[in-house]
Amino acid sequence: MLPVWELLLIIIFSLIGLYLLAITVVYFFMKRAQKRAFSSLDSMIVYEKDRMNFINDLVNTLKDNRYNLKANIKIVVDEQNELLENKMVDMSKVKQQTDFLLIYFQKYLKENGIRKKSPFDSFYKKINDYLVMDIDSDNYPYKKYNLYANRYNSILSLGFLCPFARSIKNPQAPIL
């Protein structure tokens, strides 16, 4: 029969080993979820560039038809184009500003009474397609990404994994 202190040491070291094994398994799940989340985020850049190209076309059409835009909006459009040209794109900021621009131009077309005039009628209809505000709808373009990001962030925030997972290499994924 083993003395009590040896039995306690065996139990303590067994628990520490089990803890480290569990952390290792969860860490590999977290890394897999991180790859999925950030590759899905990278694929959203193409969608945001498409939305911004639409806004640029609308701005050019407004200029061609002699509608004046405020200087502030021109600055925001230019900043947005610069944000999307950067190598590291802050997607949450890009999405918010693009949504703002779409809402602004929707209101601009409505208030100037040109939403039903050609060529602005097609732009007005397309704004509604690009501006999906209901996150529960089936055609919400960020739904798949948000699912992956939530999975990754939930694994990352597990209490027993935090000391090992929190670092610059493992940032939280933004929710869009």
N, C-alpha and C. Protein backbone atom coordinates (compact mmCIF):
# COMPACT_ATOMS: atom_id res chain seq x y z
N MET A 1 0.84 -1.18 0.00
CA MET A 1 0.00 0.00 0.00
C MET A 1 0.89 1.24 0.00
N LEU A 2 0.49 2.23 -0.81
CA LEU A 2 1.25 3.47 -0.94
C LEU A 2 0.94 4.42 0.21
N PRO A 3 1.96 5.14 0.63
CA PRO A 3 1.70 6.17 1.65
C PRO A 3 0.77 7.25 1.06
N VAL A 4 0.09 7.95 1.91
CA VAL A 4 -0.88 8.97 1.51
C VAL A 4 -0.22 10.08 0.70
N TRP A 5 0.94 10.52 1.08
CA TRP A 5 1.58 11.62 0.38
C TRP A 5 1.97 11.22 -1.04
N GLU A 6 2.38 9.97 -1.26
CA GLU A 6 2.69 9.51 -2.62
C GLU A 6 1.42 9.44 -3.46
N LEU A 7 0.36 8.99 -2.86
CA LEU A 7 -0.92 8.92 -3.55
C LEU A 7 -1.40 10.32 -3.93
N LEU A 8 -1.23 11.29 -3.05
CA LEU A 8 -1.60 12.68 -3.35
C LEU A 8 -0.76 13.24 -4.49
N LEU A 9 0.54 12.95 -4.48
CA LEU A 9 1.41 13.41 -5.57
C LEU A 9 0.99 12.80 -6.90
N ILE A 10 0.66 11.55 -6.92
CA ILE A 10 0.22 10.88 -8.15
C ILE A 10 -1.08 11.52 -8.66
N ILE A 11 -2.00 11.79 -7.76
CA ILE A 11 -3.27 12.42 -8.15
C ILE A 11 -3.05 13.83 -8.66
N ILE A 12 -2.21 14.60 -7.99
CA ILE A 12 -1.94 15.98 -8.42
C ILE A 12 -1.28 15.99 -9.79
N PHE A 13 -0.25 15.17 -9.99
CA PHE A 13 0.42 15.14 -11.29
C PHE A 13 -0.49 14.59 -12.38
N SER A 14 -1.37 13.67 -12.04
CA SER A 14 -2.33 13.16 -13.02
C SER A 14 -3.30 14.26 -13.45
N LEU A 15 -3.77 15.05 -12.49
CA LEU A 15 -4.67 16.15 -12.81
C LEU A 15 -3.98 17.23 -13.66
N ILE A 16 -2.73 17.53 -13.33
CA ILE A 16 -1.97 18.50 -14.13
C ILE A 16 -1.78 17.98 -15.55
N GLY A 17 -1.45 16.71 -15.69
CA GLY A 17 -1.29 16.12 -17.02
C GLY A 17 -2.58 16.12 -17.81
N LEU A 18 -3.68 15.79 -17.15
CA LEU A 18 -4.98 15.81 -17.80
C LEU A 18 -5.36 17.23 -18.24
N TYR A 19 -5.07 18.21 -17.39
CA TYR A 19 -5.31 19.62 -17.71
C TYR A 19 -4.51 20.04 -18.94
N LEU A 20 -3.23 19.71 -18.97
CA LEU A 20 -2.39 20.07 -20.12
C LEU A 20 -2.83 19.36 -21.39
N LEU A 21 -3.27 18.13 -21.29
CA LEU A 21 -3.79 17.41 -22.45
C LEU A 21 -5.06 18.06 -22.97
N ALA A 22 -5.95 18.43 -22.06
CA ALA A 22 -7.20 19.09 -22.47
C ALA A 22 -6.92 20.44 -23.13
N ILE A 23 -5.98 21.19 -22.58
CA ILE A 23 -5.62 22.48 -23.17
C ILE A 23 -5.03 22.29 -24.56
N THR A 24 -4.20 21.29 -24.74
CA THR A 24 -3.61 21.03 -26.05
C THR A 24 -4.67 20.70 -27.09
N VAL A 25 -5.62 19.86 -26.73
CA VAL A 25 -6.70 19.50 -27.66
C VAL A 25 -7.54 20.72 -28.01
N VAL A 26 -7.94 21.49 -27.00
CA VAL A 26 -8.75 22.68 -27.24
C VAL A 26 -7.97 23.72 -28.03
N TYR A 27 -6.67 23.83 -27.80
CA TYR A 27 -5.84 24.78 -28.54
C TYR A 27 -5.83 24.43 -30.04
N PHE A 28 -5.75 23.16 -30.38
CA PHE A 28 -5.78 22.78 -31.78
C PHE A 28 -7.14 23.04 -32.41
N PHE A 29 -8.22 22.86 -31.64
CA PHE A 29 -9.55 23.23 -32.13
C PHE A 29 -9.64 24.74 -32.36
N MET A 30 -9.04 25.51 -31.45
CA MET A 30 -9.04 26.96 -31.58
C MET A 30 -8.27 27.40 -32.82
N LYS A 31 -7.14 26.78 -33.08
CA LYS A 31 -6.34 27.15 -34.26
C LYS A 31 -7.11 26.85 -35.55
N ARG A 32 -7.81 25.72 -35.58
CA ARG A 32 -8.62 25.37 -36.76
C ARG A 32 -9.75 26.37 -36.95
N ALA A 33 -10.41 26.74 -35.86
CA ALA A 33 -11.49 27.72 -35.94
C ALA A 33 -10.95 29.09 -36.35
N GLN A 34 -9.74 29.42 -35.91
CA GLN A 34 -9.12 30.69 -36.29
C GLN A 34 -8.87 30.74 -37.79
N LYS A 35 -8.37 29.66 -38.36
CA LYS A 35 -8.13 29.62 -39.81
C LYS A 35 -9.43 29.83 -40.58
N ARG A 36 -10.48 29.13 -40.15
CA ARG A 36 -11.78 29.28 -40.83
C ARG A 36 -12.30 30.70 -40.73
N ALA A 37 -12.23 31.28 -39.55
CA ALA A 37 -12.78 32.62 -39.34
C ALA A 37 -12.03 33.65 -40.17
N PHE A 38 -10.71 33.62 -40.15
CA PHE A 38 -9.96 34.65 -40.85
C PHE A 38 -9.91 34.43 -42.37
N SER A 39 -10.02 33.19 -42.83
CA SER A 39 -10.11 33.00 -44.28
C SER A 39 -11.48 33.45 -44.77
N SER A 40 -12.51 33.25 -43.96
CA SER A 40 -13.84 33.75 -44.32
C SER A 40 -13.86 35.27 -44.30
N LEU A 41 -13.15 35.88 -43.35
CA LEU A 41 -13.05 37.33 -43.29
C LEU A 41 -12.35 37.87 -44.52
N ASP A 42 -11.29 37.20 -44.96
CA ASP A 42 -10.59 37.63 -46.17
C ASP A 42 -11.48 37.56 -47.40
N SER A 43 -12.36 36.58 -47.45
CA SER A 43 -13.26 36.48 -48.60
C SER A 43 -14.29 37.60 -48.60
N MET A 44 -14.55 38.21 -47.45
CA MET A 44 -15.51 39.31 -47.38
C MET A 44 -14.94 40.60 -47.95
N ILE A 45 -13.62 40.69 -48.09
CA ILE A 45 -13.00 41.88 -48.66
C ILE A 45 -13.48 42.09 -50.09
N VAL A 46 -13.63 41.01 -50.83
CA VAL A 46 -14.11 41.09 -52.21
C VAL A 46 -15.52 41.69 -52.25
N TYR A 47 -16.36 41.25 -51.33
CA TYR A 47 -17.73 41.77 -51.26
C TYR A 47 -17.73 43.26 -50.92
N GLU A 48 -16.88 43.66 -49.98
CA GLU A 48 -16.81 45.08 -49.60
C GLU A 48 -16.27 45.93 -50.76
N LYS A 49 -15.32 45.40 -51.51
CA LYS A 49 -14.82 46.14 -52.67
C LYS A 49 -15.90 46.28 -53.73
N ASP A 50 -16.72 45.26 -53.88
CA ASP A 50 -17.84 45.33 -54.82
C ASP A 50 -18.83 46.41 -54.40
N ARG A 51 -19.14 46.46 -53.11
CA ARG A 51 -20.04 47.52 -52.61
C ARG A 51 -19.44 48.90 -52.82
N MET A 52 -18.12 49.02 -52.61
CA MET A 52 -17.48 50.32 -52.77
C MET A 52 -17.41 50.72 -54.24
N ASN A 53 -17.22 49.76 -55.14
CA ASN A 53 -17.25 50.07 -56.57
C ASN A 53 -18.63 50.59 -56.98
N PHE A 54 -19.67 50.01 -56.40
CA PHE A 54 -21.02 50.50 -56.67
C PHE A 54 -21.17 51.94 -56.20
N ILE A 55 -20.66 52.26 -55.01
CA ILE A 55 -20.74 53.63 -54.50
C ILE A 55 -19.95 54.58 -55.39
N ASN A 56 -18.77 54.16 -55.84
CA ASN A 56 -17.97 54.99 -56.74
C ASN A 56 -18.72 55.25 -58.05
N ASP A 57 -19.38 54.23 -58.58
CA ASP A 57 -20.18 54.42 -59.80
C ASP A 57 -21.31 55.41 -59.56
N LEU A 58 -21.96 55.32 -58.42
CA LEU A 58 -23.04 56.25 -58.09
C LEU A 58 -22.52 57.67 -57.95
N VAL A 59 -21.38 57.84 -57.29
CA VAL A 59 -20.79 59.17 -57.13
C VAL A 59 -20.43 59.75 -58.50
N ASN A 60 -19.84 58.94 -59.37
CA ASN A 60 -19.49 59.43 -60.71
C ASN A 60 -20.73 59.78 -61.52
N THR A 61 -21.79 59.00 -61.39
CA THR A 61 -23.03 59.30 -62.10
C THR A 61 -23.65 60.59 -61.57
N LEU A 62 -23.59 60.80 -60.28
CA LEU A 62 -24.09 62.05 -59.72
C LEU A 62 -23.29 63.25 -60.24
N LYS A 63 -21.96 63.11 -60.31
CA LYS A 63 -21.12 64.19 -60.84
C LYS A 63 -21.43 64.45 -62.31
N ASP A 64 -21.61 63.38 -63.08
CA ASP A 64 -21.89 63.53 -64.51
C ASP A 64 -23.23 64.23 -64.75
N ASN A 65 -24.18 64.05 -63.84
CA ASN A 65 -25.48 64.69 -63.98
C ASN A 65 -25.58 65.98 -63.18
N ARG A 66 -24.44 66.50 -62.80
CA ARG A 66 -24.31 67.81 -62.16
C ARG A 66 -25.02 67.92 -60.80
N TYR A 67 -24.97 66.87 -60.05
CA TYR A 67 -25.45 66.93 -58.67
C TYR A 67 -24.23 67.10 -57.78
N ASN A 68 -24.31 68.09 -56.91
CA ASN A 68 -23.16 68.39 -56.05
C ASN A 68 -23.25 67.61 -54.75
N LEU A 69 -22.14 67.00 -54.40
CA LEU A 69 -22.03 66.32 -53.12
C LEU A 69 -21.28 67.21 -52.15
N LYS A 70 -21.59 67.05 -50.88
CA LYS A 70 -20.88 67.82 -49.86
C LYS A 70 -19.43 67.36 -49.79
N ALA A 71 -18.57 68.27 -49.40
CA ALA A 71 -17.14 67.95 -49.32
C ALA A 71 -16.88 66.84 -48.30
N ASN A 72 -17.67 66.82 -47.23
CA ASN A 72 -17.48 65.78 -46.20
C ASN A 72 -17.69 64.39 -46.78
N ILE A 73 -18.70 64.25 -47.62
CA ILE A 73 -18.99 62.94 -48.20
C ILE A 73 -17.90 62.55 -49.20
N LYS A 74 -17.40 63.50 -49.93
CA LYS A 74 -16.30 63.20 -50.85
C LYS A 74 -15.08 62.71 -50.08
N ILE A 75 -14.83 63.31 -48.93
CA ILE A 75 -13.70 62.90 -48.09
C ILE A 75 -13.92 61.48 -47.57
N VAL A 76 -15.13 61.17 -47.13
CA VAL A 76 -15.43 59.83 -46.62
C VAL A 76 -15.28 58.79 -47.72
N VAL A 77 -15.74 59.12 -48.94
CA VAL A 77 -15.60 58.19 -50.07
C VAL A 77 -14.13 57.94 -50.38
N ASP A 78 -13.33 59.01 -50.38
CA ASP A 78 -11.90 58.85 -50.64
C ASP A 78 -11.21 58.04 -49.55
N GLU A 79 -11.58 58.30 -48.29
CA GLU A 79 -10.99 57.53 -47.18
C GLU A 79 -11.36 56.05 -47.29
N GLN A 80 -12.59 55.80 -47.68
CA GLN A 80 -13.05 54.42 -47.81
C GLN A 80 -12.28 53.69 -48.92
N ASN A 81 -12.05 54.38 -50.03
CA ASN A 81 -11.27 53.78 -51.11
C ASN A 81 -9.84 53.49 -50.66
N GLU A 82 -9.27 54.39 -49.86
CA GLU A 82 -7.92 54.16 -49.34
C GLU A 82 -7.89 52.99 -48.36
N LEU A 83 -8.92 52.88 -47.53
CA LEU A 83 -8.97 51.77 -46.57
C LEU A 83 -8.99 50.42 -47.29
N LEU A 84 -9.73 50.34 -48.38
CA LEU A 84 -9.82 49.08 -49.10
C LEU A 84 -8.57 48.77 -49.92
N GLU A 85 -7.74 49.77 -50.18
CA GLU A 85 -6.51 49.53 -50.93
C GLU A 85 -5.36 49.09 -50.02
N ASN A 86 -5.50 49.28 -48.71
CA ASN A 86 -4.44 48.88 -47.78
C ASN A 86 -4.27 47.38 -47.77
N LYS A 87 -3.06 46.96 -47.39
CA LYS A 87 -2.79 45.53 -47.29
C LYS A 87 -3.53 44.91 -46.11
N MET A 88 -3.55 45.62 -45.00
CA MET A 88 -4.29 45.17 -43.82
C MET A 88 -5.59 45.97 -43.75
N VAL A 89 -6.70 45.31 -43.99
CA VAL A 89 -8.00 45.97 -44.04
C VAL A 89 -8.72 45.76 -42.71
N ASP A 90 -9.15 46.85 -42.10
CA ASP A 90 -9.96 46.78 -40.88
C ASP A 90 -11.42 46.62 -41.32
N MET A 91 -11.88 45.36 -41.36
CA MET A 91 -13.18 45.06 -41.94
C MET A 91 -14.34 45.67 -41.18
N SER A 92 -14.25 45.75 -39.86
CA SER A 92 -15.38 46.33 -39.12
C SER A 92 -15.54 47.81 -39.46
N LYS A 93 -14.43 48.52 -39.59
CA LYS A 93 -14.49 49.94 -39.96
C LYS A 93 -14.97 50.10 -41.40
N VAL A 94 -14.47 49.25 -42.29
CA VAL A 94 -14.87 49.31 -43.70
C VAL A 94 -16.36 49.06 -43.84
N LYS A 95 -16.87 48.05 -43.16
CA LYS A 95 -18.29 47.73 -43.26
C LYS A 95 -19.14 48.87 -42.72
N GLN A 96 -18.76 49.42 -41.60
CA GLN A 96 -19.54 50.51 -41.01
C GLN A 96 -19.58 51.73 -41.91
N GLN A 97 -18.44 52.09 -42.48
CA GLN A 97 -18.42 53.27 -43.34
C GLN A 97 -19.16 53.03 -44.65
N THR A 98 -19.06 51.82 -45.19
CA THR A 98 -19.79 51.52 -46.43
C THR A 98 -21.29 51.54 -46.17
N ASP A 99 -21.71 50.99 -45.04
CA ASP A 99 -23.13 51.04 -44.68
C ASP A 99 -23.59 52.49 -44.53
N PHE A 100 -22.76 53.31 -43.90
CA PHE A 100 -23.10 54.73 -43.75
C PHE A 100 -23.26 55.39 -45.11
N LEU A 101 -22.32 55.13 -46.02
CA LEU A 101 -22.41 55.75 -47.35
C LEU A 101 -23.65 55.28 -48.10
N LEU A 102 -23.97 54.01 -48.00
CA LEU A 102 -25.17 53.51 -48.68
C LEU A 102 -26.43 54.16 -48.12
N ILE A 103 -26.51 54.29 -46.80
CA ILE A 103 -27.67 54.95 -46.18
C ILE A 103 -27.73 56.42 -46.59
N TYR A 104 -26.56 57.07 -46.61
CA TYR A 104 -26.52 58.47 -47.01
C TYR A 104 -27.02 58.66 -48.45
N PHE A 105 -26.52 57.83 -49.36
CA PHE A 105 -26.92 58.00 -50.76
C PHE A 105 -28.37 57.59 -50.98
N GLN A 106 -28.87 56.65 -50.21
CA GLN A 106 -30.29 56.30 -50.29
C GLN A 106 -31.13 57.52 -49.89
N LYS A 107 -30.74 58.17 -48.82
CA LYS A 107 -31.45 59.37 -48.37
C LYS A 107 -31.26 60.52 -49.36
N TYR A 108 -30.06 60.66 -49.91
CA TYR A 108 -29.76 61.73 -50.86
C TYR A 108 -30.64 61.61 -52.11
N LEU A 109 -30.75 60.41 -52.64
CA LEU A 109 -31.57 60.20 -53.83
C LEU A 109 -33.05 60.46 -53.54
N LYS A 110 -33.48 60.09 -52.35
CA LYS A 110 -34.88 60.28 -51.96
C LYS A 110 -35.18 61.77 -51.76
N GLU A 111 -34.31 62.48 -51.04
CA GLU A 111 -34.57 63.89 -50.73
C GLU A 111 -34.46 64.79 -51.95
N ASN A 112 -33.61 64.43 -52.90
CA ASN A 112 -33.49 65.25 -54.11
C ASN A 112 -34.53 64.88 -55.17
N GLY A 113 -35.36 63.89 -54.88
CA GLY A 113 -36.44 63.51 -55.78
C GLY A 113 -35.97 62.87 -57.07
N ILE A 114 -34.82 62.22 -57.03
CA ILE A 114 -34.28 61.61 -58.25
C ILE A 114 -34.23 60.10 -58.17
N ARG A 115 -34.82 59.53 -57.14
CA ARG A 115 -34.76 58.07 -56.99
C ARG A 115 -35.54 57.33 -58.05
N LYS A 116 -36.52 57.97 -58.69
CA LYS A 116 -37.32 57.31 -59.73
C LYS A 116 -36.90 57.73 -61.13
N LYS A 117 -35.93 58.64 -61.25
CA LYS A 117 -35.46 59.10 -62.55
C LYS A 117 -34.32 58.20 -63.02
N SER A 118 -34.24 58.07 -64.32
CA SER A 118 -33.15 57.29 -64.91
C SER A 118 -31.88 58.12 -64.86
N PRO A 119 -30.76 57.61 -64.58
CA PRO A 119 -30.28 56.27 -64.26
C PRO A 119 -30.30 55.96 -62.77
N PHE A 120 -30.86 56.86 -61.97
CA PHE A 120 -30.79 56.71 -60.52
C PHE A 120 -31.75 55.67 -59.97
N ASP A 121 -32.79 55.32 -60.75
CA ASP A 121 -33.74 54.32 -60.26
C ASP A 121 -33.08 52.96 -60.05
N SER A 122 -32.18 52.60 -60.98
CA SER A 122 -31.48 51.31 -60.82
C SER A 122 -30.50 51.36 -59.64
N PHE A 123 -29.87 52.51 -59.44
CA PHE A 123 -28.97 52.66 -58.29
C PHE A 123 -29.75 52.55 -56.98
N TYR A 124 -30.92 53.17 -56.94
CA TYR A 124 -31.72 53.15 -55.71
C TYR A 124 -32.16 51.73 -55.36
N LYS A 125 -32.55 50.96 -56.37
CA LYS A 125 -32.95 49.58 -56.12
C LYS A 125 -31.76 48.74 -55.66
N LYS A 126 -30.61 49.01 -56.25
CA LYS A 126 -29.41 48.23 -55.92
C LYS A 126 -28.90 48.56 -54.51
N ILE A 127 -29.15 49.79 -54.05
CA ILE A 127 -28.74 50.16 -52.69
C ILE A 127 -29.42 49.23 -51.69
N ASN A 128 -30.70 48.94 -51.90
CA ASN A 128 -31.42 48.05 -50.99
C ASN A 128 -30.84 46.64 -51.00
N ASP A 129 -30.31 46.22 -52.15
CA ASP A 129 -29.67 44.90 -52.21
C ASP A 129 -28.36 44.86 -51.43
N TYR A 130 -27.61 45.94 -51.50
CA TYR A 130 -26.33 46.00 -50.80
C TYR A 130 -26.45 46.34 -49.32
N LEU A 131 -27.59 46.89 -48.94
CA LEU A 131 -27.77 47.34 -47.56
C LEU A 131 -28.71 46.39 -46.84
N VAL A 132 -28.16 45.28 -46.39
CA VAL A 132 -28.94 44.28 -45.66
C VAL A 132 -28.70 44.52 -44.18
N MET A 133 -29.74 44.98 -43.49
CA MET A 133 -29.59 45.33 -42.08
C MET A 133 -30.07 44.22 -41.14
N ASP A 134 -30.89 43.31 -41.62
CA ASP A 134 -31.44 42.26 -40.78
C ASP A 134 -30.46 41.10 -40.71
N ILE A 135 -29.82 40.93 -39.56
CA ILE A 135 -28.78 39.89 -39.44
C ILE A 135 -29.37 38.49 -39.38
N ASP A 136 -30.68 38.39 -39.16
CA ASP A 136 -31.31 37.08 -39.10
C ASP A 136 -31.83 36.61 -40.46
N SER A 137 -31.77 37.47 -41.46
CA SER A 137 -32.29 37.07 -42.78
C SER A 137 -31.34 36.08 -43.46
N ASP A 138 -31.89 35.32 -44.37
CA ASP A 138 -31.09 34.29 -45.05
C ASP A 138 -30.08 34.88 -46.02
N ASN A 139 -30.35 36.06 -46.54
CA ASN A 139 -29.44 36.66 -47.52
C ASN A 139 -28.45 37.64 -46.88
N TYR A 140 -28.28 37.57 -45.56
CA TYR A 140 -27.29 38.41 -44.89
C TYR A 140 -25.90 37.92 -45.29
N PRO A 141 -25.10 38.75 -45.97
CA PRO A 141 -23.83 38.28 -46.54
C PRO A 141 -22.76 37.92 -45.51
N TYR A 142 -22.90 38.40 -44.30
CA TYR A 142 -21.88 38.15 -43.28
C TYR A 142 -22.26 37.02 -42.34
N LYS A 143 -23.34 36.32 -42.63
CA LYS A 143 -23.87 35.30 -41.73
C LYS A 143 -22.87 34.16 -41.51
N LYS A 144 -22.29 33.64 -42.58
CA LYS A 144 -21.35 32.53 -42.47
C LYS A 144 -20.09 32.96 -41.72
N TYR A 145 -19.59 34.14 -42.05
CA TYR A 145 -18.40 34.63 -41.36
C TYR A 145 -18.67 34.81 -39.87
N ASN A 146 -19.81 35.44 -39.52
CA ASN A 146 -20.13 35.67 -38.11
C ASN A 146 -20.26 34.36 -37.34
N LEU A 147 -20.75 33.33 -37.99
CA LEU A 147 -20.83 32.01 -37.36
C LEU A 147 -19.43 31.50 -37.01
N TYR A 148 -18.52 31.57 -37.98
CA TYR A 148 -17.14 31.14 -37.74
C TYR A 148 -16.44 32.01 -36.69
N ALA A 149 -16.68 33.32 -36.74
CA ALA A 149 -16.05 34.23 -35.79
C ALA A 149 -16.56 33.97 -34.37
N ASN A 150 -17.84 33.73 -34.23
CA ASN A 150 -18.39 33.44 -32.90
C ASN A 150 -17.83 32.15 -32.33
N ARG A 151 -17.68 31.14 -33.18
CA ARG A 151 -17.10 29.87 -32.71
C ARG A 151 -15.66 30.09 -32.23
N TYR A 152 -14.90 30.77 -33.05
CA TYR A 152 -13.50 31.02 -32.70
C TYR A 152 -13.39 31.85 -31.43
N ASN A 153 -14.15 32.93 -31.33
CA ASN A 153 -14.08 33.80 -30.15
C ASN A 153 -14.53 33.07 -28.89
N SER A 154 -15.50 32.18 -29.03
CA SER A 154 -15.95 31.45 -27.83
C SER A 154 -14.88 30.47 -27.35
N ILE A 155 -14.19 29.83 -28.27
CA ILE A 155 -13.10 28.93 -27.86
C ILE A 155 -11.96 29.74 -27.26
N LEU A 156 -11.67 30.89 -27.88
CA LEU A 156 -10.57 31.73 -27.41
C LEU A 156 -10.82 32.26 -26.01
N SER A 157 -12.07 32.47 -25.67
CA SER A 157 -12.37 33.07 -24.36
C SER A 157 -12.62 32.03 -23.26
N LEU A 158 -12.38 30.77 -23.54
CA LEU A 158 -12.51 29.75 -22.49
C LEU A 158 -11.54 30.06 -21.36
N GLY A 159 -12.02 30.02 -20.16
CA GLY A 159 -11.22 30.43 -19.01
C GLY A 159 -9.94 29.65 -18.82
N PHE A 160 -10.00 28.34 -18.97
CA PHE A 160 -8.80 27.55 -18.73
C PHE A 160 -7.81 27.61 -19.89
N LEU A 161 -8.23 28.14 -21.03
CA LEU A 161 -7.34 28.25 -22.18
C LEU A 161 -6.72 29.65 -22.28
N CYS A 162 -7.32 30.62 -21.62
CA CYS A 162 -6.88 32.02 -21.73
C CYS A 162 -5.38 32.25 -21.53
N PRO A 163 -4.76 31.68 -20.52
CA PRO A 163 -3.33 31.97 -20.35
C PRO A 163 -2.47 31.50 -21.54
N PHE A 164 -2.95 30.51 -22.27
CA PHE A 164 -2.16 29.97 -23.36
C PHE A 164 -2.56 30.54 -24.72
N ALA A 165 -3.78 31.02 -24.84
CA ALA A 165 -4.28 31.46 -26.14
C ALA A 165 -4.21 32.97 -26.36
N ARG A 166 -4.23 33.74 -25.31
CA ARG A 166 -4.21 35.20 -25.45
C ARG A 166 -2.82 35.67 -25.84
N SER A 167 -2.70 36.14 -27.06
CA SER A 167 -1.44 36.71 -27.53
C SER A 167 -1.71 37.48 -28.81
N ILE A 168 -0.69 38.10 -29.33
CA ILE A 168 -0.82 38.85 -30.58
C ILE A 168 -1.12 37.90 -31.74
N LYS A 169 -0.66 36.67 -31.64
CA LYS A 169 -0.90 35.69 -32.71
C LYS A 169 -2.35 35.22 -32.77
N ASN A 170 -3.10 35.43 -31.70
CA ASN A 170 -4.47 34.95 -31.63
C ASN A 170 -5.43 36.09 -31.30
N PRO A 171 -5.61 37.05 -32.22
CA PRO A 171 -6.54 38.15 -31.93
C PRO A 171 -7.99 37.69 -32.04
N GLN A 172 -8.88 38.40 -31.41
CA GLN A 172 -10.29 38.08 -31.55
C GLN A 172 -10.77 38.49 -32.94
N ALA A 173 -11.70 37.74 -33.48
CA ALA A 173 -12.27 38.06 -34.79
C ALA A 173 -13.40 39.06 -34.61
N PRO A 174 -13.43 40.11 -35.41
CA PRO A 174 -14.52 41.10 -35.27
C PRO A 174 -15.85 40.50 -35.75
N ILE A 175 -16.93 40.91 -35.14
CA ILE A 175 -18.26 40.47 -35.56
C ILE A 175 -18.82 41.56 -36.46
N LEU A 176 -19.23 41.18 -37.66
CA LEU A 176 -19.74 42.15 -38.63
C LEU A 176 -21.25 42.12 -38.70
